[in-house]
Amino acid sequence: MKPYLIFDYDGTLVNSKEMWLSAFKEVMKKFGHEMRNEDIKARMGPKTKEMIALCLPENEKQKAELGKEMIDQIVSSEKGLKLVNLCSNALETITALKKKGYKMSLVTNSDAAFVFASLKRFQIQDGFWDLIITADDPFAKKEDSFKFLTEALELNNGIVYIADKASDAALAKNAGVKSVIIASAHSWDSEEKIMAARPDFLIHDLKELPKLLTKSL
């Protein structure tokens, strides 16, 4: 029986680094704070509102909700989306997997405004996913999303999580699912950092995924 596939989004299916870095720097500058790319990258991972709160001093944390609204406008705009492109072989891979009969869902900490706008832009929304779970859905963490998917879709053949960060490997272990972590130019973490997290499987391009699933999972 085929395992169920859960895909991360940023760094896995879409290369959105430039857009997110630009959006966060723009919003933080409007709040009176200059931030370097390295500072923003170090805080990447949580939901947008939580990330903004991490970037703000204690007496400005209340601006986080406004900051999220501002970022949603930027990342779902034509200007923002022009800074995003599909990761190498993303469309070809998910198309091939769908044809092979794999069931797939998308789970991401990115905001719904960006996710649905970019899925539509790249024509990878309709027909691919059973469910799309974003930061705006009522789950505190991704493990909760996995539990919901398991129960809602009555999954009993095992789950494979495809993502791009070291923390994703740890998340998969905590959730009791297998991890396939991609170390590529689009990934948010280096291969060294990913390997230190001991993912179940490491690949360097999504085109490797179908063969891996057939041989090893």
Protein backbone atom coordinates (compact mmCIF):
# COMPACT_ATOMS: atom_id res chain seq x y z
CA MET A 1 0.00 0.00 0.00
CA LYS A 2 1.20 3.49 -0.80
CA PRO A 3 2.04 5.84 2.09
CA TYR A 4 0.18 9.12 2.44
CA LEU A 5 2.27 12.16 1.47
CA ILE A 6 2.29 15.45 3.37
CA PHE A 7 4.22 18.25 1.71
CA ASP A 8 5.69 21.34 3.29
CA TYR A 9 5.48 24.39 1.02
CA ASP A 10 8.20 27.05 1.30
CA GLY A 11 11.60 25.68 0.32
CA THR A 12 10.00 22.39 -0.70
CA LEU A 13 7.61 23.24 -3.53
CA VAL A 14 8.20 26.97 -3.93
CA ASN A 15 11.33 29.08 -3.60
CA SER A 16 10.01 32.02 -1.60
CA LYS A 17 13.08 33.16 0.35
CA GLU A 18 13.52 36.48 -1.44
CA MET A 19 9.85 37.36 -1.04
CA TRP A 20 9.62 36.57 2.68
CA LEU A 21 12.88 38.34 3.50
CA SER A 22 11.80 41.41 1.53
CA ALA A 23 8.33 41.46 3.13
CA PHE A 24 9.62 41.15 6.69
CA LYS A 25 12.27 43.82 6.15
CA GLU A 26 9.68 46.19 4.67
CA VAL A 27 7.23 45.74 7.54
CA MET A 28 9.86 45.94 10.25
CA LYS A 29 11.25 49.11 8.67
CA LYS A 30 7.76 50.65 8.83
CA PHE A 31 7.78 49.79 12.53
CA GLY A 32 11.11 51.61 12.86
CA HIS A 33 13.46 48.60 12.94
CA GLU A 34 16.15 47.69 10.41
CA MET A 35 16.74 43.94 10.09
CA ARG A 36 19.37 41.92 8.26
CA ASN A 37 18.52 38.84 6.23
CA GLU A 38 20.47 36.71 8.71
CA ASP A 39 18.36 37.98 11.62
CA ILE A 40 15.13 37.15 9.81
CA LYS A 41 16.33 33.70 8.69
CA ALA A 42 17.24 32.88 12.29
CA ARG A 43 13.61 33.45 13.30
CA MET A 44 11.98 31.65 10.36
CA GLY A 45 9.72 28.70 11.15
CA PRO A 46 6.86 29.89 13.38
CA LYS A 47 3.70 31.46 12.00
CA THR A 48 3.97 35.02 10.68
CA LYS A 49 2.40 36.73 13.70
CA GLU A 50 4.69 34.81 16.06
CA MET A 51 7.72 35.65 13.94
CA ILE A 52 6.93 39.36 13.97
CA ALA A 53 6.53 39.23 17.74
CA LEU A 54 9.98 37.63 17.98
CA CYS A 55 11.43 40.51 15.96
CA LEU A 56 9.79 43.28 18.01
CA PRO A 57 10.97 44.62 21.37
CA GLU A 58 8.84 43.75 24.40
CA ASN A 59 6.97 47.07 24.44
CA GLU A 60 5.89 46.67 20.79
CA LYS A 61 4.65 43.06 20.75
CA GLN A 62 1.07 44.30 20.31
CA LYS A 63 1.97 45.33 16.74
CA ALA A 64 2.34 41.69 15.66
CA GLU A 65 -1.26 41.34 14.43
CA LEU A 66 -1.00 44.51 12.34
CA GLY A 67 2.34 43.29 11.02
CA LYS A 68 0.77 40.03 9.88
CA GLU A 69 -1.95 41.92 8.01
CA MET A 70 0.68 44.06 6.30
CA ILE A 71 2.74 41.04 5.30
CA ASP A 72 -0.34 39.22 3.98
CA GLN A 73 -0.98 42.14 1.65
CA ILE A 74 2.62 42.12 0.39
CA VAL A 75 3.04 38.38 -0.15
CA SER A 76 -0.28 37.92 -1.96
CA SER A 77 0.29 40.92 -4.25
CA GLU A 78 1.55 40.70 -7.82
CA LYS A 79 4.74 42.44 -6.71
CA GLY A 80 5.36 39.89 -3.99
CA LEU A 81 4.48 36.85 -6.09
CA LYS A 82 6.93 37.92 -8.79
CA LEU A 83 9.69 37.11 -6.29
CA VAL A 84 8.52 33.49 -5.99
CA ASN A 85 9.17 30.56 -8.30
CA LEU A 86 8.62 26.83 -8.24
CA CYS A 87 11.39 24.68 -6.83
CA SER A 88 13.25 22.48 -9.29
CA ASN A 89 11.00 19.71 -10.68
CA ALA A 90 8.17 20.53 -8.26
CA LEU A 91 5.32 20.49 -10.77
CA GLU A 92 6.68 17.46 -12.61
CA THR A 93 7.09 15.50 -9.38
CA ILE A 94 3.68 16.11 -7.83
CA THR A 95 2.05 15.48 -11.22
CA ALA A 96 3.87 12.14 -11.53
CA LEU A 97 2.97 11.15 -7.97
CA LYS A 98 -0.69 11.98 -8.54
CA LYS A 99 -0.71 9.84 -11.68
CA LYS A 100 0.82 6.97 -9.69
CA GLY A 101 -2.10 7.14 -7.28
CA TYR A 102 -0.47 8.81 -4.28
CA LYS A 103 -2.76 10.83 -2.01
CA MET A 104 -1.31 14.16 -0.89
CA SER A 105 -1.99 17.08 1.42
CA LEU A 106 -0.17 20.34 2.00
CA VAL A 107 0.72 21.55 5.51
CA THR A 108 2.51 24.86 5.98
CA ASN A 109 3.07 27.63 8.51
CA SER A 110 2.75 30.18 5.71
CA ASP A 111 -0.31 32.43 5.66
CA ALA A 112 -3.33 31.42 3.60
CA ALA A 113 -3.20 34.68 1.62
CA PHE A 114 0.19 33.75 0.17
CA VAL A 115 -0.38 30.01 -0.14
CA PHE A 116 -3.58 30.17 -2.17
CA ALA A 117 -2.40 33.10 -4.32
CA SER A 118 0.82 31.29 -5.24
CA LEU A 119 -0.85 27.90 -5.75
CA LYS A 120 -3.19 29.57 -8.22
CA ARG A 121 -0.32 31.40 -9.92
CA PHE A 122 1.59 28.17 -10.49
CA GLN A 123 -1.55 26.13 -11.27
CA ILE A 124 -0.86 23.56 -8.56
CA GLN A 125 -4.01 24.02 -6.48
CA ASP A 126 -6.90 22.09 -8.01
CA GLY A 127 -6.69 18.33 -8.31
CA PHE A 128 -3.50 17.78 -6.33
CA TRP A 129 -4.37 18.06 -2.64
CA ASP A 130 -6.88 16.37 -0.37
CA LEU A 131 -6.45 19.17 2.15
CA ILE A 132 -4.42 22.37 2.40
CA ILE A 133 -3.62 23.47 5.94
CA THR A 134 -2.06 26.91 6.48
CA ALA A 135 -1.08 29.12 9.40
CA ASP A 136 -4.60 30.53 9.46
CA ASP A 137 -6.14 27.16 10.35
CA PRO A 138 -6.75 26.39 14.05
CA PHE A 139 -3.71 24.23 14.76
CA ALA A 140 -1.06 25.35 17.23
CA LYS A 141 1.66 23.27 15.57
CA LYS A 142 2.17 20.98 12.60
CA GLU A 143 1.99 17.83 14.74
CA ASP A 144 -1.63 18.78 15.45
CA SER A 145 -2.23 19.07 11.71
CA PHE A 146 -0.81 15.58 11.17
CA LYS A 147 -3.07 14.17 13.87
CA PHE A 148 -6.08 15.88 12.31
CA LEU A 149 -5.23 14.52 8.85
CA THR A 150 -4.77 11.00 10.20
CA GLU A 151 -8.19 11.07 11.84
CA ALA A 152 -10.09 13.05 9.19
CA LEU A 153 -8.80 11.01 6.24
CA GLU A 154 -8.63 7.71 8.16
CA LEU A 155 -5.00 7.16 7.21
CA ASN A 156 -3.64 3.73 8.09
CA ASN A 157 -0.86 3.10 5.58
CA GLY A 158 1.74 5.37 7.13
CA ILE A 159 2.62 8.99 6.44
CA VAL A 160 5.67 10.50 4.76
CA TYR A 161 6.47 14.16 5.36
CA ILE A 162 8.45 15.94 2.62
CA ALA A 163 10.09 19.18 3.76
CA ASP A 164 13.32 21.17 3.76
CA LYS A 165 14.44 22.09 7.29
CA ALA A 166 16.24 20.31 10.11
CA SER A 167 13.33 21.13 12.41
CA ASP A 168 11.03 19.26 10.00
CA ALA A 169 12.98 16.05 10.60
CA ALA A 170 12.52 16.47 14.35
CA LEU A 171 8.85 17.32 13.86
CA ALA A 172 8.30 14.13 11.85
CA LYS A 173 9.95 12.00 14.53
CA ASN A 174 7.78 13.59 17.23
CA ALA A 175 4.67 12.97 15.13
CA GLY A 176 5.63 9.36 14.42
CA VAL A 177 5.92 9.78 10.65
CA LYS A 178 8.75 9.23 8.16
CA SER A 179 10.67 12.26 6.89
CA VAL A 180 12.15 13.00 3.48
CA ILE A 181 14.15 16.22 3.74
CA ILE A 182 15.36 18.10 0.68
CA ALA A 183 18.77 19.77 0.77
CA SER A 184 18.87 22.08 -2.23
CA ALA A 185 19.53 25.69 -3.16
CA HIS A 186 15.88 26.40 -2.29
CA SER A 187 16.03 24.88 1.21
CA TRP A 188 16.00 27.14 4.25
CA ASP A 189 18.64 25.01 6.04
CA SER A 190 22.05 23.80 4.93
CA GLU A 191 22.64 20.12 4.20
CA GLU A 192 24.98 19.94 7.19
CA LYS A 193 22.29 21.22 9.54
CA ILE A 194 19.69 18.90 8.02
CA MET A 195 21.96 15.86 8.36
CA ALA A 196 22.60 16.68 12.01
CA ALA A 197 18.85 16.28 12.60
CA ARG A 198 19.00 12.72 11.20
CA PRO A 199 16.09 12.65 8.77
CA ASP A 200 14.87 9.25 7.63
CA PHE A 201 15.83 10.11 4.06
CA LEU A 202 17.74 12.95 2.39
CA ILE A 203 17.35 13.98 -1.24
CA HIS A 204 18.74 16.90 -3.25
CA ASP A 205 15.94 17.37 -5.78
CA LEU A 206 12.24 16.51 -5.81
CA LYS A 207 12.75 14.40 -8.93
CA GLU A 208 14.40 11.80 -6.65
CA LEU A 209 11.21 11.38 -4.61
CA PRO A 210 9.13 8.99 -6.80
CA LYS A 211 11.95 6.45 -7.04
CA LEU A 212 12.65 6.71 -3.31
CA LEU A 213 9.00 6.10 -2.47
CA THR A 214 8.88 3.05 -4.73
CA LYS A 215 12.10 1.48 -3.44
CA SER A 216 12.19 2.39 0.24
CA LEU A 217 8.73 3.35 1.52
